[in-house]
C-alpha atoms as a PDB file:
ATOM      1  CA  MET A   1    -135.324 197.835  43.778  1.00  0.00           C
ATOM      2  CA  GLU A   2    -135.331 199.457  46.977  1.00  0.00           C
ATOM      3  CA  TRP A   3    -131.680 199.173  48.019  1.00  0.00           C
ATOM      4  CA  ALA A   4    -132.363 200.336  51.726  1.00  0.00           C
ATOM      5  CA  TYR A   5    -133.838 196.718  51.859  1.00  0.00           C
ATOM      6  CA  LEU A   6    -130.925 195.487  50.100  1.00  0.00           C
ATOM      7  CA  GLU A   7    -128.686 196.781  52.721  1.00  0.00           C
ATOM      8  CA  ALA A   8    -131.052 195.904  55.461  1.00  0.00           C
ATOM      9  CA  ILE A   9    -130.414 192.384  54.598  1.00  0.00           C
ATOM     10  CA  MET A  10    -126.878 192.464  54.596  1.00  0.00           C
ATOM     11  CA  ARG A  11    -126.704 193.550  57.747  1.00  0.00           C
ATOM     12  CA  LYS A  12    -129.214 190.971  58.930  1.00  0.00           C
ATOM     13  CA  LEU A  13    -126.629 188.261  57.165  1.00  0.00           C
ATOM     14  CA  GLY A  14    -124.050 189.686  59.551  1.00  0.00           C
ATOM     15  CA  PHE A  15    -121.712 191.508  56.616  1.00  0.00           C
ATOM     16  CA  GLN A  16    -119.367 194.296  57.643  1.00  0.00           C
ATOM     17  CA  GLU A  17    -120.385 197.907  57.285  1.00  0.00           C
ATOM     18  CA  ARG A  18    -116.994 198.238  55.071  1.00  0.00           C
ATOM     19  CA  TRP A  19    -118.383 195.326  52.564  1.00  0.00           C
ATOM     20  CA  ILE A  20    -121.877 197.130  52.426  1.00  0.00           C
ATOM     21  CA  SER A  21    -120.982 200.267  51.197  1.00  0.00           C
ATOM     22  CA  LEU A  22    -118.220 198.836  48.638  1.00  0.00           C
ATOM     23  CA  SER A  23    -121.319 196.470  47.436  1.00  0.00           C
ATOM     24  CA  MET A  24    -123.952 199.854  47.077  1.00  0.00           C
ATOM     25  CA  MET A  25    -121.066 201.909  45.738  1.00  0.00           C
ATOM     26  CA  CYS A  26    -120.826 199.137  43.109  1.00  0.00           C
ATOM     27  CA  VAL A  27    -124.801 199.466  42.245  1.00  0.00           C
ATOM     28  CA  ARG A  28    -125.400 203.240  42.818  1.00  0.00           C
ATOM     29  CA  THR A  29    -122.668 204.250  40.108  1.00  0.00           C
ATOM     30  CA  GLU A  30    -123.157 202.060  37.390  1.00  0.00           C
ATOM     31  CA  SER A  31    -122.990 203.868  34.165  1.00  0.00           C
ATOM     32  CA  PHE A  32    -122.595 202.705  30.484  1.00  0.00           C
ATOM     33  CA  PHE A  33    -121.401 204.412  27.435  1.00  0.00           C
ATOM     34  CA  VAL A  34    -122.531 204.417  23.605  1.00  0.00           C
ATOM     35  CA  LEU A  35    -119.907 203.307  21.572  1.00  0.00           C
ATOM     36  CA  ILE A  36    -120.240 205.870  17.714  1.00  0.00           C
ATOM     37  CA  ASN A  37    -117.558 204.960  15.499  1.00  0.00           C
ATOM     38  CA  GLU A  38    -115.645 203.171  17.985  1.00  0.00           C
ATOM     39  CA  GLU A  39    -115.433 205.980  20.385  1.00  0.00           C
ATOM     40  CA  PRO A  40    -117.383 206.180  24.067  1.00  0.00           C
ATOM     41  CA  LYS A  41    -119.991 208.658  23.654  1.00  0.00           C
ATOM     42  CA  SER A  42    -123.002 209.915  26.229  1.00  0.00           C
ATOM     43  CA  LYS A  43    -122.353 208.629  29.284  1.00  0.00           C
ATOM     44  CA  ILE A  44    -125.451 207.019  30.258  1.00  0.00           C
ATOM     45  CA  THR A  45    -125.992 206.754  34.454  1.00  0.00           C
ATOM     46  CA  SER A  46    -128.048 203.518  35.149  1.00  0.00           C
ATOM     47  CA  THR A  47    -131.374 203.830  37.354  1.00  0.00           C
ATOM     48  CA  ARG A  48    -131.686 200.770  37.497  1.00  0.00           C
ATOM     49  CA  GLY A  49    -128.848 199.057  39.292  1.00  0.00           C
ATOM     50  CA  LEU A  50    -126.309 196.808  37.786  1.00  0.00           C
ATOM     51  CA  ARG A  51    -127.013 195.244  34.165  1.00  0.00           C
ATOM     52  CA  GLN A  52    -127.836 191.542  33.820  1.00  0.00           C
ATOM     53  CA  GLY A  53    -124.929 189.179  33.654  1.00  0.00           C
ATOM     54  CA  ASN A  54    -122.920 191.524  35.717  1.00  0.00           C
ATOM     55  CA  PRO A  55    -120.814 188.936  38.397  1.00  0.00           C
ATOM     56  CA  ILE A  56    -122.044 190.693  41.288  1.00  0.00           C
ATOM     57  CA  SER A  57    -125.844 191.088  40.123  1.00  0.00           C
ATOM     58  CA  LEU A  58    -126.255 187.606  40.847  1.00  0.00           C
ATOM     59  CA  TYR A  59    -124.733 187.385  44.614  1.00  0.00           C
ATOM     60  CA  LEU A  60    -126.874 190.276  44.874  1.00  0.00           C
ATOM     61  CA  PHE A  61    -129.928 188.751  43.908  1.00  0.00           C
ATOM     62  CA  LEU A  62    -129.343 185.587  45.747  1.00  0.00           C
ATOM     63  CA  LEU A  63    -129.302 188.291  48.902  1.00  0.00           C
ATOM     64  CA  CYS A  64    -132.738 189.424  47.835  1.00  0.00           C
ATOM     65  CA  VAL A  65    -134.297 185.946  47.692  1.00  0.00           C
ATOM     66  CA  GLU A  66    -133.301 185.343  51.194  1.00  0.00           C
ATOM     67  CA  GLY A  67    -135.538 188.010  51.467  1.00  0.00           C
ATOM     68  CA  LEU A  68    -138.234 185.992  50.347  1.00  0.00           C
ATOM     69  CA  SER A  69    -137.088 183.122  52.204  1.00  0.00           C
ATOM     70  CA  ALA A  70    -137.586 185.121  55.476  1.00  0.00           C
ATOM     71  CA  ILE A  71    -141.117 186.369  54.555  1.00  0.00           C
ATOM     72  CA  LEU A  72    -142.202 182.472  53.561  1.00  0.00           C
ATOM     73  CA  GLN A  73    -140.163 181.067  56.727  1.00  0.00           C
ATOM     74  CA  LYS A  74    -142.342 183.577  58.672  1.00  0.00           C
ATOM     75  CA  GLU A  75    -145.839 182.770  57.174  1.00  0.00           C
ATOM     76  CA  VAL A  76    -145.358 178.961  58.120  1.00  0.00           C
ATOM     77  CA  GLY A  77    -144.120 180.155  61.545  1.00  0.00           C
ATOM     78  CA  MET A  78    -147.247 181.858  61.896  1.00  0.00           C
ATOM     79  CA  GLY A  79    -149.166 178.730  60.747  1.00  0.00           C
ATOM     80  CA  ARG A  80    -151.145 180.609  57.496  1.00  0.00           C
ATOM     81  CA  ILE A  81    -149.088 178.465  55.176  1.00  0.00           C
ATOM     82  CA  LYS A  82    -148.352 174.678  55.331  1.00  0.00           C
ATOM     83  CA  GLY A  83    -145.780 173.194  53.286  1.00  0.00           C
ATOM     84  CA  ILE A  84    -145.542 169.097  51.722  1.00  0.00           C
ATOM     85  CA  LEU A  85    -143.954 166.521  53.187  1.00  0.00           C
ATOM     86  CA  VAL A  86    -142.266 163.642  51.471  1.00  0.00           C
ATOM     87  CA  CYS A  87    -142.828 161.007  54.011  1.00  0.00           C
ATOM     88  CA  ARG A  88    -143.678 160.827  57.715  1.00  0.00           C
ATOM     89  CA  ARG A  89    -141.975 162.848  60.280  1.00  0.00           C
ATOM     90  CA  ALA A  90    -140.081 164.638  57.207  1.00  0.00           C
ATOM     91  CA  PRO A  91    -139.748 168.369  57.599  1.00  0.00           C
ATOM     92  CA  GLN A  92    -141.953 170.242  55.824  1.00  0.00           C
ATOM     93  CA  ILE A  93    -140.558 172.003  52.164  1.00  0.00           C
ATOM     94  CA  LEU A  94    -142.047 174.764  51.567  1.00  0.00           C
ATOM     95  CA  TYR A  95    -140.112 176.265  48.546  1.00  0.00           C
ATOM     96  CA  LEU A  96    -137.515 175.128  45.923  1.00  0.00           C
ATOM     97  CA  LEU A  97    -135.181 177.699  44.837  1.00  0.00           C
ATOM     98  CA  PHE A  98    -133.386 177.491  41.327  1.00  0.00           C
ATOM     99  CA  ALA A  99    -131.309 180.258  40.071  1.00  0.00           C
ATOM    100  CA  ASP A 100    -134.650 182.682  39.295  1.00  0.00           C
ATOM    101  CA  ASP A 101    -136.998 180.028  39.180  1.00  0.00           C
ATOM    102  CA  SER A 102    -138.906 179.413  42.646  1.00  0.00           C
ATOM    103  CA  ILE A 103    -141.918 176.370  43.265  1.00  0.00           C
ATOM    104  CA  ILE A 104    -143.829 176.980  46.269  1.00  0.00           C
ATOM    105  CA  PHE A 105    -145.765 174.368  47.966  1.00  0.00           C
ATOM    106  CA  CYS A 106    -148.897 174.708  50.081  1.00  0.00           C
ATOM    107  CA  ARG A 107    -151.919 173.514  50.714  1.00  0.00           C
ATOM    108  CA  ALA A 108    -155.044 174.171  48.104  1.00  0.00           C
ATOM    109  CA  THR A 109    -156.949 176.317  49.607  1.00  0.00           C
ATOM    110  CA  MET A 110    -158.104 179.762  48.994  1.00  0.00           C
ATOM    111  CA  GLU A 111    -157.087 181.218  52.395  1.00  0.00           C
ATOM    112  CA  GLU A 112    -153.521 179.550  52.043  1.00  0.00           C
ATOM    113  CA  GLY A 113    -153.835 180.962  48.272  1.00  0.00           C
ATOM    114  CA  ASN A 114    -154.403 184.804  49.497  1.00  0.00           C
ATOM    115  CA  ARG A 115    -151.746 184.344  52.262  1.00  0.00           C
ATOM    116  CA  VAL A 116    -148.896 183.341  49.367  1.00  0.00           C
ATOM    117  CA  ILE A 117    -149.991 186.207  46.634  1.00  0.00           C
ATOM    118  CA  LYS A 118    -149.656 188.470  49.819  1.00  0.00           C
ATOM    119  CA  VAL A 119    -146.274 187.228  50.489  1.00  0.00           C
ATOM    120  CA  LEU A 120    -144.896 188.012  46.712  1.00  0.00           C
ATOM    121  CA  LYS A 121    -146.851 191.495  46.541  1.00  0.00           C
ATOM    122  CA  ASP A 122    -144.698 192.512  49.447  1.00  0.00           C
ATOM    123  CA  TYR A 123    -141.684 190.974  47.902  1.00  0.00           C
ATOM    124  CA  GLU A 124    -142.191 193.085  44.698  1.00  0.00           C
ATOM    125  CA  GLU A 125    -142.708 196.022  46.507  1.00  0.00           C
ATOM    126  CA  ALA A 126    -139.603 195.808  48.612  1.00  0.00           C
ATOM    127  CA  PHE A 127    -137.201 194.619  45.909  1.00  0.00           C
ATOM    128  CA  GLY A 128    -139.101 195.336  42.664  1.00  0.00           C
ATOM    129  CA  LYS A 129    -139.504 191.820  41.218  1.00  0.00           C
ATOM    130  CA  LYS A 130    -142.610 191.587  39.758  1.00  0.00           C
ATOM    131  CA  LEU A 131    -144.673 187.957  39.782  1.00  0.00           C
ATOM    132  CA  ASN A 132    -144.199 187.373  35.716  1.00  0.00           C
ATOM    133  CA  LYS A 133    -147.892 185.663  34.923  1.00  0.00           C
ATOM    134  CA  GLU A 134    -147.455 184.460  31.513  1.00  0.00           C
ATOM    135  CA  LYS A 135    -144.311 182.044  32.967  1.00  0.00           C
ATOM    136  CA  THR A 136    -146.422 180.905  36.173  1.00  0.00           C
ATOM    137  CA  SER A 137    -147.800 177.822  36.473  1.00  0.00           C
ATOM    138  CA  LEU A 138    -150.109 175.842  39.111  1.00  0.00           C
ATOM    139  CA  PHE A 139    -149.959 172.164  39.551  1.00  0.00           C
ATOM    140  CA  PHE A 140    -152.872 170.450  42.236  1.00  0.00           C
ATOM    141  CA  SER A 141    -152.884 167.303  43.291  1.00  0.00           C
ATOM    142  CA  LYS A 142    -155.223 164.700  42.028  1.00  0.00           C
ATOM    143  CA  ASN A 143    -157.637 165.435  44.832  1.00  0.00           C
ATOM    144  CA  THR A 144    -158.206 168.767  44.400  1.00  0.00           C
ATOM    145  CA  LYS A 145    -162.028 169.659  43.137  1.00  0.00           C
ATOM    146  CA  ARG A 146    -162.315 171.405  40.126  1.00  0.00           C
ATOM    147  CA  ASP A 147    -163.890 174.342  41.687  1.00  0.00           C
ATOM    148  CA  THR A 148    -160.979 174.803  43.840  1.00  0.00           C
ATOM    149  CA  GLN A 149    -158.312 174.914  41.470  1.00  0.00           C
ATOM    150  CA  GLU A 150    -160.464 177.606  39.153  1.00  0.00           C
ATOM    151  CA  GLY A 151    -160.853 179.831  42.202  1.00  0.00           C
ATOM    152  CA  ILE A 152    -157.335 179.486  42.807  1.00  0.00           C
ATOM    153  CA  LYS A 153    -156.246 179.985  39.115  1.00  0.00           C
ATOM    154  CA  ASP A 154    -158.620 183.436  39.176  1.00  0.00           C
ATOM    155  CA  LEU A 155    -156.720 184.516  42.016  1.00  0.00           C
ATOM    156  CA  PHE A 156    -153.016 184.009  40.283  1.00  0.00           C
ATOM    157  CA  GLY A 157    -154.143 184.361  37.077  1.00  0.00           C
ATOM    158  CA  ALA A 158    -151.729 181.575  36.115  1.00  0.00           C
ATOM    159  CA  GLN A 159    -152.223 178.464  34.023  1.00  0.00           C
ATOM    160  CA  ILE A 160    -153.044 175.255  35.180  1.00  0.00           C
ATOM    161  CA  ILE A 161    -151.137 172.215  34.082  1.00  0.00           C
ATOM    162  CA  GLN A 162    -151.116 168.541  34.506  1.00  0.00           C
ATOM    163  CA  GLN A 163    -147.400 167.794  34.155  1.00  0.00           C
ATOM    164  CA  HIS A 164    -144.131 169.663  33.367  1.00  0.00           C
ATOM    165  CA  GLU A 165    -142.689 167.875  30.564  1.00  0.00           C
ATOM    166  CA  LYS A 166    -138.997 168.732  31.192  1.00  0.00           C
ATOM    167  CA  TYR A 167    -137.421 171.589  33.495  1.00  0.00           C
ATOM    168  CA  ARG A 168    -133.787 172.122  33.057  1.00  0.00           C
ATOM    169  CA  GLY A 169    -133.173 168.995  30.732  1.00  0.00           C
ATOM    170  CA  LEU A 170    -134.672 166.770  33.346  1.00  0.00           C
ATOM    171  CA  PRO A 171    -138.088 165.310  34.181  1.00  0.00           C
ATOM    172  CA  PRO A 172    -139.994 167.012  37.049  1.00  0.00           C
ATOM    173  CA  MET A 173    -141.628 163.719  38.191  1.00  0.00           C
ATOM    174  CA  VAL A 174    -140.764 160.409  37.741  1.00  0.00           C
ATOM    175  CA  ARG A 175    -143.449 157.665  39.073  1.00  0.00           C
ATOM    176  CA  ARG A 176    -143.696 154.237  37.930  1.00  0.00           C
ATOM    177  CA  GLY A 177    -142.655 152.863  34.486  1.00  0.00           C
ATOM    178  CA  ARG A 178    -138.787 154.862  35.344  1.00  0.00           C
ATOM    179  CA  LYS A 179    -137.304 153.242  32.196  1.00  0.00           C
ATOM    180  CA  LYS A 180    -139.698 154.907  30.168  1.00  0.00           C
ATOM    181  CA  VAL A 181    -138.959 158.418  31.268  1.00  0.00           C
ATOM    182  CA  PHE A 182    -135.340 157.751  30.614  1.00  0.00           C
ATOM    183  CA  ASN A 183    -135.850 156.245  26.744  1.00  0.00           C
ATOM    184  CA  ARG A 184    -134.809 159.723  26.183  1.00  0.00           C
ATOM    185  CA  ILE A 185    -130.661 158.819  26.911  1.00  0.00           C
ATOM    186  CA  LYS A 186    -130.481 155.952  24.978  1.00  0.00           C
ATOM    187  CA  ASP A 187    -132.192 157.171  21.810  1.00  0.00           C
ATOM    188  CA  GLN A 188    -130.059 160.253  22.100  1.00  0.00           C
ATOM    189  CA  VAL A 189    -127.078 157.434  22.541  1.00  0.00           C
ATOM    190  CA  GLY A 190    -128.105 155.678  19.386  1.00  0.00           C
ATOM    191  CA  ARG A 191    -128.535 158.351  17.398  1.00  0.00           C
ATOM    192  CA  LYS A 192    -124.901 159.183  17.759  1.00  0.00           C
ATOM    193  CA  ILE A 193    -123.451 155.700  17.483  1.00  0.00           C
ATOM    194  CA  ALA A 194    -125.645 155.365  14.497  1.00  0.00           C
ATOM    195  CA  GLY A 195    -123.913 158.391  12.661  1.00  0.00           C
ATOM    196  CA  TRP A 196    -120.822 156.791  13.499  1.00  0.00           C
ATOM    197  CA  LYS A 197    -120.979 153.684  12.484  1.00  0.00           C
ATOM    198  CA  GLY A 198    -120.770 154.713   8.770  1.00  0.00           C
ATOM    199  CA  LYS A 199    -117.127 156.568   9.447  1.00  0.00           C
ATOM    200  CA  LEU A 200    -113.929 154.250   8.920  1.00  0.00           C
ATOM    201  CA  LEU A 201    -112.611 154.778  12.796  1.00  0.00           C
ATOM    202  CA  SER A 202    -109.545 153.478  14.678  1.00  0.00           C
ATOM    203  CA  ASN A 203    -109.618 152.022  17.327  1.00  0.00           C
ATOM    204  CA  ALA A 204    -108.535 155.403  19.134  1.00  0.00           C
ATOM    205  CA  GLY A 205    -111.054 157.275  17.225  1.00  0.00           C
ATOM    206  CA  ARG A 206    -113.961 154.828  18.624  1.00  0.00           C
ATOM    207  CA  GLU A 207    -112.071 155.428  22.527  1.00  0.00           C
ATOM    208  CA  ILE A 208    -112.235 158.996  22.231  1.00  0.00           C
ATOM    209  CA  LEU A 209    -115.923 158.980  21.041  1.00  0.00           C
ATOM    210  CA  ILE A 210    -117.078 156.537  23.501  1.00  0.00           C
ATOM    211  CA  LYS A 211    -115.688 158.613  26.717  1.00  0.00           C
ATOM    212  CA  VAL A 212    -115.991 162.257  25.067  1.00  0.00           C
ATOM    213  CA  VAL A 213    -119.306 162.015  24.244  1.00  0.00           C
ATOM    214  CA  ALA A 214    -121.342 158.772  24.246  1.00  0.00           C
ATOM    215  CA  GLN A 215    -120.652 158.131  28.245  1.00  0.00           C
ATOM    216  CA  VAL A 216    -121.000 161.437  29.183  1.00  0.00           C
ATOM    217  CA  THR A 217    -124.359 162.575  27.412  1.00  0.00           C
ATOM    218  CA  SER A 218    -126.190 160.817  30.398  1.00  0.00           C
ATOM    219  CA  THR A 219    -123.874 162.375  33.202  1.00  0.00           C
ATOM    220  CA  TYR A 220    -126.194 165.182  34.231  1.00  0.00           C
ATOM    221  CA  MET A 221    -128.937 162.779  34.313  1.00  0.00           C
ATOM    222  CA  MET A 222    -127.520 160.438  36.305  1.00  0.00           C
ATOM    223  CA  SER A 223    -126.243 162.749  39.043  1.00  0.00           C
ATOM    224  CA  CYS A 224    -130.011 163.591  39.651  1.00  0.00           C
ATOM    225  CA  PHE A 225    -131.996 160.256  39.331  1.00  0.00           C
ATOM    226  CA  MET A 226    -131.063 156.446  39.828  1.00  0.00           C
ATOM    227  CA  LEU A 227    -131.380 154.619  36.173  1.00  0.00           C
ATOM    228  CA  PRO A 228    -133.006 151.631  35.731  1.00  0.00           C
ATOM    229  CA  ASN A 229    -130.472 148.593  35.828  1.00  0.00           C
ATOM    230  CA  SER A 230    -132.213 147.444  32.330  1.00  0.00           C
ATOM    231  CA  LEU A 231    -131.342 150.917  30.796  1.00  0.00           C
ATOM    232  CA  CYS A 232    -127.796 151.186  31.920  1.00  0.00           C
ATOM    233  CA  ASN A 233    -127.285 147.592  30.658  1.00  0.00           C
ATOM    234  CA  GLU A 234    -128.567 148.469  27.377  1.00  0.00           C
ATOM    235  CA  LEU A 235    -126.409 151.723  27.326  1.00  0.00           C
ATOM    236  CA  ASN A 236    -123.282 149.648  27.910  1.00  0.00           C
ATOM    237  CA  SER A 237    -124.399 147.391  25.423  1.00  0.00           C
ATOM    238  CA  LEU A 238    -124.898 150.201  22.523  1.00  0.00           C
ATOM    239  CA  VAL A 239    -121.211 151.170  23.434  1.00  0.00           C
ATOM    240  CA  ARG A 240    -119.404 147.743  23.742  1.00  0.00           C
ATOM    241  CA  ASN A 241    -121.348 146.860  20.056  1.00  0.00           C
ATOM    242  CA  PHE A 242    -119.941 149.822  19.135  1.00  0.00           C
ATOM    243  CA  TRP A 243    -116.484 149.491  20.441  1.00  0.00           C
ATOM    244  CA  TRP A 244    -115.727 146.068  18.840  1.00  0.00           C
ATOM    245  CA  GLY A 245    -116.782 147.380  15.352  1.00  0.00           C
ATOM    246  CA  GLN A 246    -120.165 146.661  14.733  1.00  0.00           C
ATOM    247  CA  LYS A 247    -122.167 147.858  11.570  1.00  0.00           C
ATOM    248  CA  ASP A 248    -125.931 148.041  10.994  1.00  0.00           C
ATOM    249  CA  LYS A 249    -127.387 145.232  13.065  1.00  0.00           C
ATOM    250  CA  GLU A 250    -124.436 142.387  12.403  1.00  0.00           C
ATOM    251  CA  ARG A 251    -122.800 141.001  14.999  1.00  0.00           C
ATOM    252  CA  LYS A 252    -119.142 140.961  16.109  1.00  0.00           C
ATOM    253  CA  MET A 253    -117.196 138.826  18.415  1.00  0.00           C
ATOM    254  CA  ALA A 254    -116.066 140.905  21.560  1.00  0.00           C
ATOM    255  CA  TRP A 255    -112.700 139.236  22.359  1.00  0.00           C
ATOM    256  CA  VAL A 256    -112.500 140.940  26.033  1.00  0.00           C
ATOM    257  CA  SER A 257    -115.320 140.876  28.498  1.00  0.00           C
ATOM    258  CA  TRP A 258    -116.960 144.583  29.253  1.00  0.00           C
ATOM    259  CA  GLU A 259    -115.917 144.662  32.800  1.00  0.00           C
ATOM    260  CA  LYS A 260    -112.098 144.003  31.760  1.00  0.00           C
ATOM    261  CA  LEU A 261    -112.251 146.915  29.333  1.00  0.00           C
ATOM    262  CA  CYS A 262    -114.021 149.434  32.201  1.00  0.00           C
ATOM    263  CA  THR A 263    -111.005 148.636  33.966  1.00  0.00           C
ATOM    264  CA  ARG A 264    -108.030 151.194  34.072  1.00  0.00           C
ATOM    265  CA  LYS A 265    -105.357 151.250  31.412  1.00  0.00           C
ATOM    266  CA  SER A 266    -102.959 151.002  34.045  1.00  0.00           C
ATOM    267  CA  GLU A 267    -104.788 147.449  34.663  1.00  0.00           C
ATOM    268  CA  GLY A 268    -105.175 146.307  31.206  1.00  0.00           C
ATOM    269  CA  GLY A 269    -108.733 147.928  30.614  1.00  0.00           C
ATOM    270  CA  MET A 270    -109.573 150.870  28.325  1.00  0.00           C
ATOM    271  CA  GLY A 271    -110.798 152.799  31.267  1.00  0.00           C
ATOM    272  CA  PHE A 272    -114.724 153.190  29.994  1.00  0.00           C
ATOM    273  CA  LYS A 273    -117.242 153.630  32.614  1.00  0.00           C
ATOM    274  CA  ASP A 274    -119.227 151.124  34.015  1.00  0.00           C
ATOM    275  CA  LEU A 275    -122.230 152.974  33.352  1.00  0.00           C
ATOM    276  CA  ARG A 276    -124.271 151.483  36.827  1.00  0.00           C
ATOM    277  CA  ALA A 277    -121.563 152.129  38.991  1.00  0.00           C
ATOM    278  CA  PHE A 278    -121.197 155.349  37.718  1.00  0.00           C
ATOM    279  CA  ASN A 279    -124.432 156.159  38.510  1.00  0.00           C
ATOM    280  CA  MET A 280    -124.168 155.208  41.894  1.00  0.00           C
ATOM    281  CA  ALA A 281    -120.787 157.117  42.525  1.00  0.00           C
ATOM    282  CA  LEU A 282    -122.341 160.658  41.215  1.00  0.00           C
ATOM    283  CA  LEU A 283    -125.328 159.774  43.599  1.00  0.00           C
ATOM    284  CA  ALA A 284    -122.770 159.344  46.564  1.00  0.00           C
ATOM    285  CA  LYS A 285    -121.022 162.537  45.623  1.00  0.00           C
ATOM    286  CA  GLN A 286    -124.824 164.870  46.105  1.00  0.00           C
ATOM    287  CA  GLY A 287    -125.173 162.606  49.893  1.00  0.00           C
END
């Protein structure tokens, strides 16, 4: 990485010179020792900056990504690249950044493809972070002509995919038939509960498993997507039947309504989660 670019970005963002000098001192004085018979030997001075996993490296990487963002925004301001609109009169979305993963949106033309390649090459030269083509993929809309797709594919040297199956454990696209997309949650919870049914568990044991495992499995998914009402009801049904001691497919008498069990213990309930209300609360927290 060219550390001069990093210093320039930090100054542009308003960091004080004292902070910049301390940060760059950490980068330039990085060294390692090799343990031989549990004794440090052979000091090695790093020429590539901080090691991966160093707490400071993550923050420095985010500063570098600010450089990529600035280059892309400049291209948009000059009208060379155009992002996508999620609806009418909405602002353009040009890129999404998550840790070291980046998604760039542009029109499927050779001109904009060349501009994106130019941006990535400038970023590589400035920061020494080269694009990994083996992990790069292209996704086109259904209206893109086949010859255009092949031309852009040759330009980037990357593969064309029809749909990402999973990204960070989540479906990247949710179209019609949302229940089918999220059925994996029901399968996971069902398998866990099926493994517990054959064991002799007390009420306290069932309560802990429900609160700590069964109702927590879908938390990450529910913090990003609104699950269908029918799926929430089915998940509640699985947990409810397990609580009342159902084995296999037998039916047990529910002596108290599920709504009552979802109230606080101080109010006479068990403190279980109403998954629909929990889903809405997580999405409201995002807002």
